[in-house]
C-alpha atoms as a PDB file:
ATOM      1  CA  MET A   1       0.299  -0.163   0.062  1.00  0.00           C
ATOM      2  CA  LYS A   2       1.038   3.543  -0.976  1.00  0.00           C
ATOM      3  CA  THR A   3       0.152   6.822   0.619  1.00  0.00           C
ATOM      4  CA  ARG A   4       1.468   9.805   2.174  1.00  0.00           C
ATOM      5  CA  ILE A   5       1.722   8.377   5.261  1.00  0.00           C
ATOM      6  CA  THR A   6       3.642   5.157   4.205  1.00  0.00           C
ATOM      7  CA  GLU A   7       6.057   7.544   2.370  1.00  0.00           C
ATOM      8  CA  LEU A   8       6.767   9.772   5.024  1.00  0.00           C
ATOM      9  CA  LEU A   9       7.377   7.151   7.810  1.00  0.00           C
ATOM     10  CA  GLY A  10       9.045   4.937   5.432  1.00  0.00           C
ATOM     11  CA  ILE A  11       6.850   1.768   6.067  1.00  0.00           C
ATOM     12  CA  ARG A  12       4.832  -0.674   3.702  1.00  0.00           C
ATOM     13  CA  TYR A  13       1.238  -0.548   5.213  1.00  0.00           C
ATOM     14  CA  PRO A  14      -0.394   2.554   6.619  1.00  0.00           C
ATOM     15  CA  ILE A  15      -0.469   1.508  10.254  1.00  0.00           C
ATOM     16  CA  VAL A  16       0.569   2.761  13.196  1.00  0.00           C
ATOM     17  CA  GLN A  17       0.373   1.217  16.575  1.00  0.00           C
ATOM     18  CA  GLY A  18      -0.715   3.780  19.000  1.00  0.00           C
ATOM     19  CA  GLY A  19       1.726   5.307  21.763  1.00  0.00           C
ATOM     20  CA  MET A  20       0.737   3.563  24.829  1.00  0.00           C
ATOM     21  CA  GLN A  21       1.482   4.446  28.805  1.00  0.00           C
ATOM     22  CA  TRP A  22       2.861   1.188  30.408  1.00  0.00           C
ATOM     23  CA  VAL A  23       2.586  -0.643  26.597  1.00  0.00           C
ATOM     24  CA  GLY A  24       4.912   1.085  24.192  1.00  0.00           C
ATOM     25  CA  LYS A  25       7.980  -0.846  24.608  1.00  0.00           C
ATOM     26  CA  ALA A  26      10.570  -2.384  22.689  1.00  0.00           C
ATOM     27  CA  GLU A  27       8.849  -5.923  22.146  1.00  0.00           C
ATOM     28  CA  LEU A  28       5.752  -4.540  20.854  1.00  0.00           C
ATOM     29  CA  ALA A  29       6.861  -1.598  18.909  1.00  0.00           C
ATOM     30  CA  ALA A  30       9.554  -3.731  16.908  1.00  0.00           C
ATOM     31  CA  ALA A  31       6.716  -6.771  16.346  1.00  0.00           C
ATOM     32  CA  VAL A  32       4.736  -3.859  14.730  1.00  0.00           C
ATOM     33  CA  SER A  33       7.534  -2.897  12.492  1.00  0.00           C
ATOM     34  CA  ASN A  34       8.621  -5.939  11.400  1.00  0.00           C
ATOM     35  CA  ALA A  35       5.292  -6.514  10.530  1.00  0.00           C
ATOM     36  CA  GLY A  36       5.305  -3.968   7.872  1.00  0.00           C
ATOM     37  CA  GLY A  37       3.371  -1.260  10.212  1.00  0.00           C
ATOM     38  CA  LEU A  38       5.513   1.730  12.541  1.00  0.00           C
ATOM     39  CA  GLY A  39       5.822   0.421  15.661  1.00  0.00           C
ATOM     40  CA  ILE A  40       5.706   3.214  18.570  1.00  0.00           C
ATOM     41  CA  LEU A  41       7.510   3.402  21.902  1.00  0.00           C
ATOM     42  CA  THR A  42       6.347   5.472  24.819  1.00  0.00           C
ATOM     43  CA  ALA A  43       8.778   7.841  25.920  1.00  0.00           C
ATOM     44  CA  LEU A  44       6.891   8.437  29.693  1.00  0.00           C
ATOM     45  CA  THR A  45       6.809   4.891  30.127  1.00  0.00           C
ATOM     46  CA  GLN A  46      10.339   5.024  30.714  1.00  0.00           C
ATOM     47  CA  PRO A  47      11.492   6.744  34.423  1.00  0.00           C
ATOM     48  CA  THR A  48      14.385   8.506  32.746  1.00  0.00           C
ATOM     49  CA  PRO A  49      15.083  10.206  29.196  1.00  0.00           C
ATOM     50  CA  ASP A  50      18.553   7.672  30.143  1.00  0.00           C
ATOM     51  CA  GLU A  51      16.299   5.036  30.321  1.00  0.00           C
ATOM     52  CA  LEU A  52      14.749   5.762  27.125  1.00  0.00           C
ATOM     53  CA  ALA A  53      17.864   6.070  25.132  1.00  0.00           C
ATOM     54  CA  ARG A  54      18.511   2.219  26.307  1.00  0.00           C
ATOM     55  CA  GLU A  55      15.115   1.299  24.859  1.00  0.00           C
ATOM     56  CA  VAL A  56      15.463   2.638  21.464  1.00  0.00           C
ATOM     57  CA  SER A  57      18.734   1.086  21.759  1.00  0.00           C
ATOM     58  CA  ARG A  58      17.082  -2.180  22.723  1.00  0.00           C
ATOM     59  CA  THR A  59      14.713  -2.140  20.062  1.00  0.00           C
ATOM     60  CA  ARG A  60      17.058  -1.685  17.399  1.00  0.00           C
ATOM     61  CA  ARG A  61      18.213  -4.922  18.346  1.00  0.00           C
ATOM     62  CA  MET A  62      15.051  -6.432  17.588  1.00  0.00           C
ATOM     63  CA  THR A  63      14.307  -4.472  14.034  1.00  0.00           C
ATOM     64  CA  ALA A  64      15.542  -2.826  11.118  1.00  0.00           C
ATOM     65  CA  GLN A  65      12.649  -1.116  10.320  1.00  0.00           C
ATOM     66  CA  ALA A  66      11.339   2.514  11.058  1.00  0.00           C
ATOM     67  CA  PHE A  67      10.009   2.997  14.626  1.00  0.00           C
ATOM     68  CA  GLY A  68       8.726   6.269  16.485  1.00  0.00           C
ATOM     69  CA  VAL A  69       8.602   7.791  20.100  1.00  0.00           C
ATOM     70  CA  ASN A  70       5.612   8.937  21.610  1.00  0.00           C
ATOM     71  CA  LEU A  71       6.134  11.951  23.522  1.00  0.00           C
ATOM     72  CA  THR A  72       2.768  12.865  25.066  1.00  0.00           C
ATOM     73  CA  ILE A  73       2.797  17.100  26.169  1.00  0.00           C
ATOM     74  CA  LEU A  74       0.602  17.457  29.282  1.00  0.00           C
ATOM     75  CA  PRO A  75       0.421  20.622  31.563  1.00  0.00           C
ATOM     76  CA  THR A  76       0.640  19.274  35.003  1.00  0.00           C
ATOM     77  CA  ILE A  77       2.078  21.116  38.188  1.00  0.00           C
ATOM     78  CA  ASN A  78       5.232  19.018  38.371  1.00  0.00           C
ATOM     79  CA  PRO A  79       5.840  18.035  34.604  1.00  0.00           C
ATOM     80  CA  PRO A  80       8.602  15.313  32.940  1.00  0.00           C
ATOM     81  CA  PRO A  81      11.858  16.807  31.592  1.00  0.00           C
ATOM     82  CA  TYR A  82      10.168  16.995  28.422  1.00  0.00           C
ATOM     83  CA  ALA A  83      12.953  18.367  26.919  1.00  0.00           C
ATOM     84  CA  ASP A  84      15.443  16.259  28.444  1.00  0.00           C
ATOM     85  CA  TYR A  85      13.225  12.988  26.884  1.00  0.00           C
ATOM     86  CA  LEU A  86      13.561  14.995  23.515  1.00  0.00           C
ATOM     87  CA  GLN A  87      17.009  15.529  23.777  1.00  0.00           C
ATOM     88  CA  ALA A  88      17.622  11.483  24.330  1.00  0.00           C
ATOM     89  CA  ILE A  89      14.811  10.997  21.135  1.00  0.00           C
ATOM     90  CA  ILE A  90      17.552  13.565  19.146  1.00  0.00           C
ATOM     91  CA  ASP A  91      20.544  11.725  20.492  1.00  0.00           C
ATOM     92  CA  SER A  92      19.428   8.382  19.371  1.00  0.00           C
ATOM     93  CA  ASP A  93      18.770   9.403  15.964  1.00  0.00           C
ATOM     94  CA  VAL A  94      14.931   8.581  16.011  1.00  0.00           C
ATOM     95  CA  LYS A  95      13.399   9.829  13.137  1.00  0.00           C
ATOM     96  CA  ILE A  96       9.725   9.566  13.976  1.00  0.00           C
ATOM     97  CA  VAL A  97       8.296  11.485  16.913  1.00  0.00           C
ATOM     98  CA  GLU A  98       4.348  11.060  17.716  1.00  0.00           C
ATOM     99  CA  THR A  99       3.109  13.873  20.046  1.00  0.00           C
ATOM    100  CA  ALA A 100      -0.241  14.555  21.763  1.00  0.00           C
ATOM    101  CA  GLY A 101      -1.641  16.491  24.553  1.00  0.00           C
ATOM    102  CA  ASN A 102      -0.500  19.655  24.006  1.00  0.00           C
ATOM    103  CA  THR A 103       0.792  20.870  20.538  1.00  0.00           C
ATOM    104  CA  PRO A 104       4.488  20.411  20.869  1.00  0.00           C
ATOM    105  CA  ALA A 105       4.948  24.350  19.120  1.00  0.00           C
ATOM    106  CA  GLU A 106       8.155  25.051  21.614  1.00  0.00           C
ATOM    107  CA  PHE A 107      10.050  21.714  20.184  1.00  0.00           C
ATOM    108  CA  ILE A 108       8.921  21.677  16.636  1.00  0.00           C
ATOM    109  CA  GLU A 109      12.055  23.882  15.315  1.00  0.00           C
ATOM    110  CA  LEU A 110      14.267  22.076  16.949  1.00  0.00           C
ATOM    111  CA  MET A 111      12.521  18.403  15.842  1.00  0.00           C
ATOM    112  CA  LYS A 112      12.582  20.215  12.275  1.00  0.00           C
ATOM    113  CA  ARG A 113      16.320  20.567  12.266  1.00  0.00           C
ATOM    114  CA  HIS A 114      17.279  17.128  12.963  1.00  0.00           C
ATOM    115  CA  ASP A 115      15.153  15.881  10.250  1.00  0.00           C
ATOM    116  CA  ILE A 116      12.314  14.119  12.713  1.00  0.00           C
ATOM    117  CA  ALA A 117       8.629  13.212  11.039  1.00  0.00           C
ATOM    118  CA  ILE A 118       6.088  14.844  13.609  1.00  0.00           C
ATOM    119  CA  VAL A 119       2.420  13.084  13.669  1.00  0.00           C
ATOM    120  CA  HIS A 120       0.426  15.004  15.960  1.00  0.00           C
ATOM    121  CA  LYS A 121      -2.702  13.493  17.569  1.00  0.00           C
ATOM    122  CA  CYS A 122      -5.648  15.498  18.782  1.00  0.00           C
ATOM    123  CA  THR A 123      -9.456  14.947  19.218  1.00  0.00           C
ATOM    124  CA  SER A 124     -10.618  18.152  16.883  1.00  0.00           C
ATOM    125  CA  ILE A 125     -10.407  19.840  13.948  1.00  0.00           C
ATOM    126  CA  ARG A 126      -9.389  23.408  15.714  1.00  0.00           C
ATOM    127  CA  HIS A 127      -6.475  21.650  17.286  1.00  0.00           C
ATOM    128  CA  ALA A 128      -5.356  19.459  14.255  1.00  0.00           C
ATOM    129  CA  LEU A 129      -5.048  23.242  12.488  1.00  0.00           C
ATOM    130  CA  SER A 130      -3.640  24.887  15.075  1.00  0.00           C
ATOM    131  CA  ALA A 131      -0.800  21.859  14.834  1.00  0.00           C
ATOM    132  CA  GLN A 132      -0.727  22.254  10.862  1.00  0.00           C
ATOM    133  CA  ARG A 133       0.161  26.483  11.195  1.00  0.00           C
ATOM    134  CA  ASN A 134       2.489  25.150  13.843  1.00  0.00           C
ATOM    135  CA  GLY A 135       4.727  22.401  10.805  1.00  0.00           C
ATOM    136  CA  VAL A 136       3.470  19.138  11.875  1.00  0.00           C
ATOM    137  CA  ASP A 137       4.005  16.373   9.105  1.00  0.00           C
ATOM    138  CA  ALA A 138       1.043  14.659   9.479  1.00  0.00           C
ATOM    139  CA  VAL A 139      -1.983  14.694  12.051  1.00  0.00           C
ATOM    140  CA  SER A 140      -3.518  11.659  13.825  1.00  0.00           C
ATOM    141  CA  ILE A 141      -7.176  12.379  14.470  1.00  0.00           C
ATOM    142  CA  ASP A 142      -8.687  10.668  17.072  1.00  0.00           C
ATOM    143  CA  GLY A 143     -12.936   9.991  17.656  1.00  0.00           C
ATOM    144  CA  PHE A 144     -14.856   9.988  20.145  1.00  0.00           C
ATOM    145  CA  GLU A 145     -14.312   5.855  20.091  1.00  0.00           C
ATOM    146  CA  CYS A 146     -10.852   6.159  21.341  1.00  0.00           C
ATOM    147  CA  ALA A 147      -9.273   4.569  24.304  1.00  0.00           C
ATOM    148  CA  GLY A 148      -8.067   7.395  26.833  1.00  0.00           C
ATOM    149  CA  HIS A 149      -8.692  11.079  26.420  1.00  0.00           C
ATOM    150  CA  PRO A 150     -11.223  11.525  23.492  1.00  0.00           C
ATOM    151  CA  GLY A 151     -11.747  15.167  24.117  1.00  0.00           C
ATOM    152  CA  GLU A 152     -14.636  16.688  25.493  1.00  0.00           C
ATOM    153  CA  ASP A 153     -16.637  17.633  21.856  1.00  0.00           C
ATOM    154  CA  ASP A 154     -17.735  14.096  21.486  1.00  0.00           C
ATOM    155  CA  VAL A 155     -17.353  13.769  17.624  1.00  0.00           C
ATOM    156  CA  PRO A 156     -16.986   9.917  16.513  1.00  0.00           C
ATOM    157  CA  GLY A 157     -14.849   9.040  13.830  1.00  0.00           C
ATOM    158  CA  LEU A 158     -17.483   9.006  11.078  1.00  0.00           C
ATOM    159  CA  VAL A 159     -17.745  12.155  11.285  1.00  0.00           C
ATOM    160  CA  LEU A 160     -14.486  13.616  12.463  1.00  0.00           C
ATOM    161  CA  ILE A 161     -11.689  11.808   9.706  1.00  0.00           C
ATOM    162  CA  PRO A 162     -13.728  13.287   6.666  1.00  0.00           C
ATOM    163  CA  LEU A 163     -13.915  16.786   8.539  1.00  0.00           C
ATOM    164  CA  ALA A 164     -10.281  16.609   8.970  1.00  0.00           C
ATOM    165  CA  VAL A 165      -9.370  15.514   5.435  1.00  0.00           C
ATOM    166  CA  LYS A 166     -11.301  18.476   4.221  1.00  0.00           C
ATOM    167  CA  ALA A 167      -9.574  20.514   6.625  1.00  0.00           C
ATOM    168  CA  LEU A 168      -5.754  19.956   5.837  1.00  0.00           C
ATOM    169  CA  SER A 169      -3.315  19.739   4.060  1.00  0.00           C
ATOM    170  CA  ILE A 170      -1.374  17.542   5.288  1.00  0.00           C
ATOM    171  CA  PRO A 171      -2.275  13.699   5.264  1.00  0.00           C
ATOM    172  CA  VAL A 172      -4.557  12.378   7.889  1.00  0.00           C
ATOM    173  CA  ILE A 173      -4.591   8.849   9.979  1.00  0.00           C
ATOM    174  CA  ALA A 174      -7.357   7.630  11.651  1.00  0.00           C
ATOM    175  CA  SER A 175      -7.241   6.854  15.334  1.00  0.00           C
ATOM    176  CA  GLY A 176     -10.043   5.397  17.357  1.00  0.00           C
ATOM    177  CA  GLY A 177     -12.476   2.763  16.638  1.00  0.00           C
ATOM    178  CA  ILE A 178     -10.434   0.669  13.992  1.00  0.00           C
ATOM    179  CA  ALA A 179      -9.739  -2.861  15.267  1.00  0.00           C
ATOM    180  CA  ASP A 180      -9.718  -4.855  11.386  1.00  0.00           C
ATOM    181  CA  GLY A 181      -9.487  -4.783   7.633  1.00  0.00           C
ATOM    182  CA  ARG A 182     -13.336  -3.408   7.689  1.00  0.00           C
ATOM    183  CA  GLY A 183     -12.826  -0.247   9.688  1.00  0.00           C
ATOM    184  CA  MET A 184      -9.150   0.377   8.080  1.00  0.00           C
ATOM    185  CA  ALA A 185     -11.351   0.558   4.745  1.00  0.00           C
ATOM    186  CA  ALA A 186     -13.901   2.781   5.938  1.00  0.00           C
ATOM    187  CA  ALA A 187     -10.948   5.000   7.548  1.00  0.00           C
ATOM    188  CA  LEU A 188      -8.760   4.936   4.090  1.00  0.00           C
ATOM    189  CA  ALA A 189     -12.250   5.527   1.911  1.00  0.00           C
ATOM    190  CA  LEU A 190     -13.353   8.963   4.345  1.00  0.00           C
ATOM    191  CA  GLY A 191     -10.058  10.087   2.938  1.00  0.00           C
ATOM    192  CA  ALA A 192      -7.208   9.359   6.085  1.00  0.00           C
ATOM    193  CA  GLU A 193      -4.516   7.987   4.411  1.00  0.00           C
ATOM    194  CA  GLY A 194      -3.429   5.819   7.475  1.00  0.00           C
ATOM    195  CA  ILE A 195      -5.066   4.308  10.413  1.00  0.00           C
ATOM    196  CA  ASN A 196      -3.326   4.233  14.361  1.00  0.00           C
ATOM    197  CA  MET A 197      -4.906   1.074  16.802  1.00  0.00           C
ATOM    198  CA  GLY A 198      -4.099   1.144  20.629  1.00  0.00           C
ATOM    199  CA  THR A 199      -6.376  -1.340  22.368  1.00  0.00           C
ATOM    200  CA  ARG A 200      -6.453  -3.549  19.210  1.00  0.00           C
ATOM    201  CA  PHE A 201      -2.326  -3.912  19.506  1.00  0.00           C
ATOM    202  CA  LEU A 202      -2.902  -4.416  23.208  1.00  0.00           C
ATOM    203  CA  VAL A 203      -4.340  -7.740  22.648  1.00  0.00           C
ATOM    204  CA  THR A 204      -1.594  -9.253  20.339  1.00  0.00           C
ATOM    205  CA  ARG A 205       0.962 -11.935  21.881  1.00  0.00           C
ATOM    206  CA  GLU A 206       3.884  -9.558  22.201  1.00  0.00           C
ATOM    207  CA  ALA A 207       2.436  -6.719  24.089  1.00  0.00           C
ATOM    208  CA  PRO A 208       3.802  -6.820  27.399  1.00  0.00           C
ATOM    209  CA  VAL A 209       0.875  -6.774  29.381  1.00  0.00           C
ATOM    210  CA  HIS A 210      -0.612 -10.237  31.300  1.00  0.00           C
ATOM    211  CA  GLU A 211      -2.455 -12.327  29.611  1.00  0.00           C
ATOM    212  CA  ASN A 212      -5.515 -12.111  32.199  1.00  0.00           C
ATOM    213  CA  ILE A 213      -5.922  -8.487  30.745  1.00  0.00           C
ATOM    214  CA  LYS A 214      -5.542  -9.782  27.021  1.00  0.00           C
ATOM    215  CA  SER A 215      -8.318 -12.687  28.595  1.00  0.00           C
ATOM    216  CA  ALA A 216     -10.587  -9.819  29.819  1.00  0.00           C
ATOM    217  CA  LEU A 217     -10.581  -7.295  26.592  1.00  0.00           C
ATOM    218  CA  VAL A 218     -11.273 -10.630  24.542  1.00  0.00           C
ATOM    219  CA  GLY A 219     -14.047 -11.270  26.390  1.00  0.00           C
ATOM    220  CA  ALA A 220     -15.189  -7.513  26.845  1.00  0.00           C
ATOM    221  CA  THR A 221     -18.148  -6.376  24.274  1.00  0.00           C
ATOM    222  CA  GLU A 222     -18.063  -2.616  23.073  1.00  0.00           C
ATOM    223  CA  ARG A 223     -20.813  -1.465  26.319  1.00  0.00           C
ATOM    224  CA  ASP A 224     -17.644  -2.492  28.648  1.00  0.00           C
ATOM    225  CA  THR A 225     -15.823   0.764  28.621  1.00  0.00           C
ATOM    226  CA  ARG A 226     -16.917   3.630  30.879  1.00  0.00           C
ATOM    227  CA  LEU A 227     -15.842   7.185  30.560  1.00  0.00           C
ATOM    228  CA  MET A 228     -14.665   8.843  33.669  1.00  0.00           C
ATOM    229  CA  PHE A 229     -13.516  12.208  34.395  1.00  0.00           C
ATOM    230  CA  ARG A 230     -16.545  13.794  32.629  1.00  0.00           C
ATOM    231  CA  THR A 231     -16.976  16.096  35.516  1.00  0.00           C
ATOM    232  CA  LEU A 232     -13.344  17.261  35.582  1.00  0.00           C
ATOM    233  CA  ARG A 233     -13.602  18.260  31.694  1.00  0.00           C
ATOM    234  CA  ASN A 234     -10.979  15.692  30.870  1.00  0.00           C
ATOM    235  CA  SER A 235     -12.953  12.368  29.744  1.00  0.00           C
ATOM    236  CA  SER A 236     -11.187   9.393  29.640  1.00  0.00           C
ATOM    237  CA  ARG A 237     -12.289   6.218  28.020  1.00  0.00           C
ATOM    238  CA  VAL A 238     -11.360   3.005  30.289  1.00  0.00           C
ATOM    239  CA  LEU A 239     -12.264  -0.791  30.385  1.00  0.00           C
ATOM    240  CA  ARG A 240     -15.507  -1.336  33.083  1.00  0.00           C
ATOM    241  CA  ASN A 241     -13.964  -2.877  36.024  1.00  0.00           C
ATOM    242  CA  ALA A 242     -14.206  -2.030  39.692  1.00  0.00           C
ATOM    243  CA  VAL A 243     -11.847   0.895  40.052  1.00  0.00           C
ATOM    244  CA  SER A 244     -13.343   2.515  37.311  1.00  0.00           C
ATOM    245  CA  GLU A 245     -17.137   2.182  38.415  1.00  0.00           C
ATOM    246  CA  ALA A 246     -15.752   3.664  41.970  1.00  0.00           C
ATOM    247  CA  VAL A 247     -14.439   6.911  40.057  1.00  0.00           C
ATOM    248  CA  LEU A 248     -18.165   6.808  38.181  1.00  0.00           C
ATOM    249  CA  ALA A 249     -19.810   6.519  41.868  1.00  0.00           C
ATOM    250  CA  THR A 250     -17.300   9.394  43.250  1.00  0.00           C
ATOM    251  CA  GLU A 251     -18.196  11.763  40.287  1.00  0.00           C
ATOM    252  CA  ARG A 252     -22.207  10.631  40.647  1.00  0.00           C
ATOM    253  CA  ARG A 253     -22.035  12.121  44.223  1.00  0.00           C
ATOM    254  CA  PRO A 254     -24.265  15.542  45.246  1.00  0.00           C
ATOM    255  CA  GLY A 255     -21.748  18.326  44.393  1.00  0.00           C
ATOM    256  CA  GLY A 256     -19.784  16.019  42.499  1.00  0.00           C
ATOM    257  CA  CYS A 257     -16.177  15.392  43.154  1.00  0.00           C
ATOM    258  CA  SER A 258     -12.238  17.190  42.876  1.00  0.00           C
ATOM    259  CA  PHE A 259      -9.382  14.644  41.210  1.00  0.00           C
ATOM    260  CA  SER A 260      -8.043  14.666  45.017  1.00  0.00           C
ATOM    261  CA  ASP A 261     -11.303  12.451  45.878  1.00  0.00           C
ATOM    262  CA  ILE A 262     -10.415   9.712  43.192  1.00  0.00           C
ATOM    263  CA  ARG A 263      -6.602  10.227  42.597  1.00  0.00           C
ATOM    264  CA  HIS A 264      -5.937   6.902  44.888  1.00  0.00           C
ATOM    265  CA  LEU A 265      -7.993   5.275  42.375  1.00  0.00           C
ATOM    266  CA  VAL A 266      -6.308   6.318  39.200  1.00  0.00           C
ATOM    267  CA  ALA A 267      -2.869   6.618  39.858  1.00  0.00           C
ATOM    268  CA  GLY A 268      -0.611   5.397  37.156  1.00  0.00           C
ATOM    269  CA  ALA A 269       1.133   3.112  39.820  1.00  0.00           C
ATOM    270  CA  ARG A 270      -2.228   0.743  40.065  1.00  0.00           C
ATOM    271  CA  GLY A 271      -2.458   0.874  36.441  1.00  0.00           C
ATOM    272  CA  ARG A 272       0.465   0.101  35.490  1.00  0.00           C
ATOM    273  CA  GLU A 273       0.729  -2.919  38.273  1.00  0.00           C
ATOM    274  CA  ALA A 274      -2.987  -4.045  36.806  1.00  0.00           C
ATOM    275  CA  LEU A 275      -1.614  -4.361  33.002  1.00  0.00           C
ATOM    276  CA  ALA A 276       1.867  -6.669  34.770  1.00  0.00           C
ATOM    277  CA  GLY A 277       0.537  -8.313  37.713  1.00  0.00           C
ATOM    278  CA  GLY A 278      -2.999  -9.842  35.437  1.00  0.00           C
ATOM    279  CA  GLU A 279      -5.557  -8.290  38.089  1.00  0.00           C
ATOM    280  CA  VAL A 280      -7.979  -6.839  36.442  1.00  0.00           C
ATOM    281  CA  ASP A 281     -10.016  -4.540  39.114  1.00  0.00           C
ATOM    282  CA  ALA A 282      -7.054  -3.556  40.622  1.00  0.00           C
ATOM    283  CA  GLY A 283      -6.000  -0.526  38.211  1.00  0.00           C
ATOM    284  CA  VAL A 284      -7.078   2.029  35.338  1.00  0.00           C
ATOM    285  CA  ILE A 285      -7.064  -0.060  32.055  1.00  0.00           C
ATOM    286  CA  SER A 286      -7.430   2.324  28.969  1.00  0.00           C
ATOM    287  CA  ALA A 287      -9.783   0.673  26.405  1.00  0.00           C
ATOM    288  CA  GLY A 288     -11.160   1.774  23.169  1.00  0.00           C
ATOM    289  CA  LEU A 289     -14.875   0.680  22.203  1.00  0.00           C
ATOM    290  CA  VAL A 290     -13.315  -1.562  19.961  1.00  0.00           C
ATOM    291  CA  VAL A 291     -12.824  -4.378  22.169  1.00  0.00           C
ATOM    292  CA  GLY A 292     -15.757  -5.277  21.073  1.00  0.00           C
ATOM    293  CA  LEU A 293     -14.684  -6.279  17.597  1.00  0.00           C
ATOM    294  CA  ILE A 294     -11.486  -7.918  18.690  1.00  0.00           C
ATOM    295  CA  ASP A 295     -12.362 -11.854  19.704  1.00  0.00           C
ATOM    296  CA  ASP A 296      -8.354 -13.388  19.861  1.00  0.00           C
ATOM    297  CA  VAL A 297      -4.754 -12.908  20.386  1.00  0.00           C
ATOM    298  CA  PRO A 298      -3.050 -12.894  17.438  1.00  0.00           C
ATOM    299  CA  SER A 299       0.619 -11.965  16.789  1.00  0.00           C
ATOM    300  CA  CYS A 300       1.419  -8.195  15.496  1.00  0.00           C
ATOM    301  CA  ALA A 301       2.587 -10.049  12.111  1.00  0.00           C
ATOM    302  CA  GLU A 302      -0.612 -12.081  11.858  1.00  0.00           C
ATOM    303  CA  LEU A 303      -3.066  -9.197  12.665  1.00  0.00           C
ATOM    304  CA  ILE A 304      -1.242  -6.598  10.144  1.00  0.00           C
ATOM    305  CA  GLU A 305      -1.357  -9.096   7.249  1.00  0.00           C
ATOM    306  CA  ARG A 306      -5.037 -10.239   8.024  1.00  0.00           C
ATOM    307  CA  MET A 307      -6.395  -6.436   8.161  1.00  0.00           C
ATOM    308  CA  VAL A 308      -4.611  -5.995   5.029  1.00  0.00           C
ATOM    309  CA  LYS A 309      -6.064  -8.204   3.094  1.00  0.00           C
ATOM    310  CA  GLU A 310      -9.617  -7.698   4.556  1.00  0.00           C
ATOM    311  CA  CYS A 311      -8.957  -4.033   3.557  1.00  0.00           C
ATOM    312  CA  ARG A 312      -7.878  -4.749   0.296  1.00  0.00           C
ATOM    313  CA  GLY A 313     -11.305  -7.081  -0.156  1.00  0.00           C
ATOM    314  CA  HIS A 314     -13.609  -4.530   1.197  1.00  0.00           C
ATOM    315  CA  LEU A 315     -12.430  -1.756  -1.019  1.00  0.00           C
ATOM    316  CA  GLU A 316     -12.709  -4.030  -3.901  1.00  0.00           C
ATOM    317  CA  ARG A 317     -16.369  -5.171  -2.694  1.00  0.00           C
ATOM    318  CA  ALA A 318     -17.003  -1.729  -2.263  1.00  0.00           C
ATOM    319  CA  ALA A 319     -15.617  -0.748  -6.027  1.00  0.00           C
ATOM    320  CA  ARG A 320     -17.715  -3.426  -7.336  1.00  0.00           C
ATOM    321  CA  LEU A 321     -21.113  -1.914  -5.851  1.00  0.00           C
ATOM    322  CA  ALA A 322     -19.878   1.473  -7.256  1.00  0.00           C
ATOM    323  CA  GLY A 323     -19.088   0.252 -10.680  1.00  0.00           C
ATOM    324  CA  ALA A 324     -22.689  -2.267 -10.905  1.00  0.00           C
END
């Protein structure tokens, strides 16, 4: 397959593995890249910039193909040393960065000086346009169906993707709600030039999470995600479990709640331990609506080859219908 995204990123298929906290490690990123997609390491999964550099080196020992690094930039009271993480990316000669959160305006010039292709993930057209003006090379547009933070506009991909394609001159990657070749074909038909998947890659053999978590996601339906933090205007889509239900119960209390009321439930360390230890109710587990479409745990290579075959088949069928 050839699109502006495959040309920009130097990949065989226009399939990108989303940056996932605690999951975007060398094993998964290398497997996706070896299968013809773009694997993504998650910078802030590594506790320090030096450890990120070591993870990049570990990935290079596993693949000779292109891969990228996700750097999510969020306003916090005690922010991580974003500049130091970026310097580790530059020093490691990584040539693809997926940014998310705030538009990385202050870092774009530096990345451009080092010939880094920048894919910015966002959830609205206005933010996509801002990212384009700031000089990113592509936008990954996240629909309401996605895992993690879908924004506050609640616009699903069927509407958001063609709006982004119409508004932008740079290529668009469709993200959220895609788990198979049918979704990939639909995204391409809507004008996207690539797709981004997180939850689907979470349920693969190479994903560095406990088998109990993968089994829970395979067993989940499209009704088994929850939107936390709606009352705090920081919505996050996660798997329904004891933690997400407790958070929602707290948010529904008369008078609402503050983040301090639920901090102990949603601490990142708890989520990391749940993914590693396999206790589904131990912490927050991000998951998109596509859990309803997932019914097996393939290798990344099996998944990508199957998706590409299905995608081509559905596009050919649509072409036949259009020509009838």
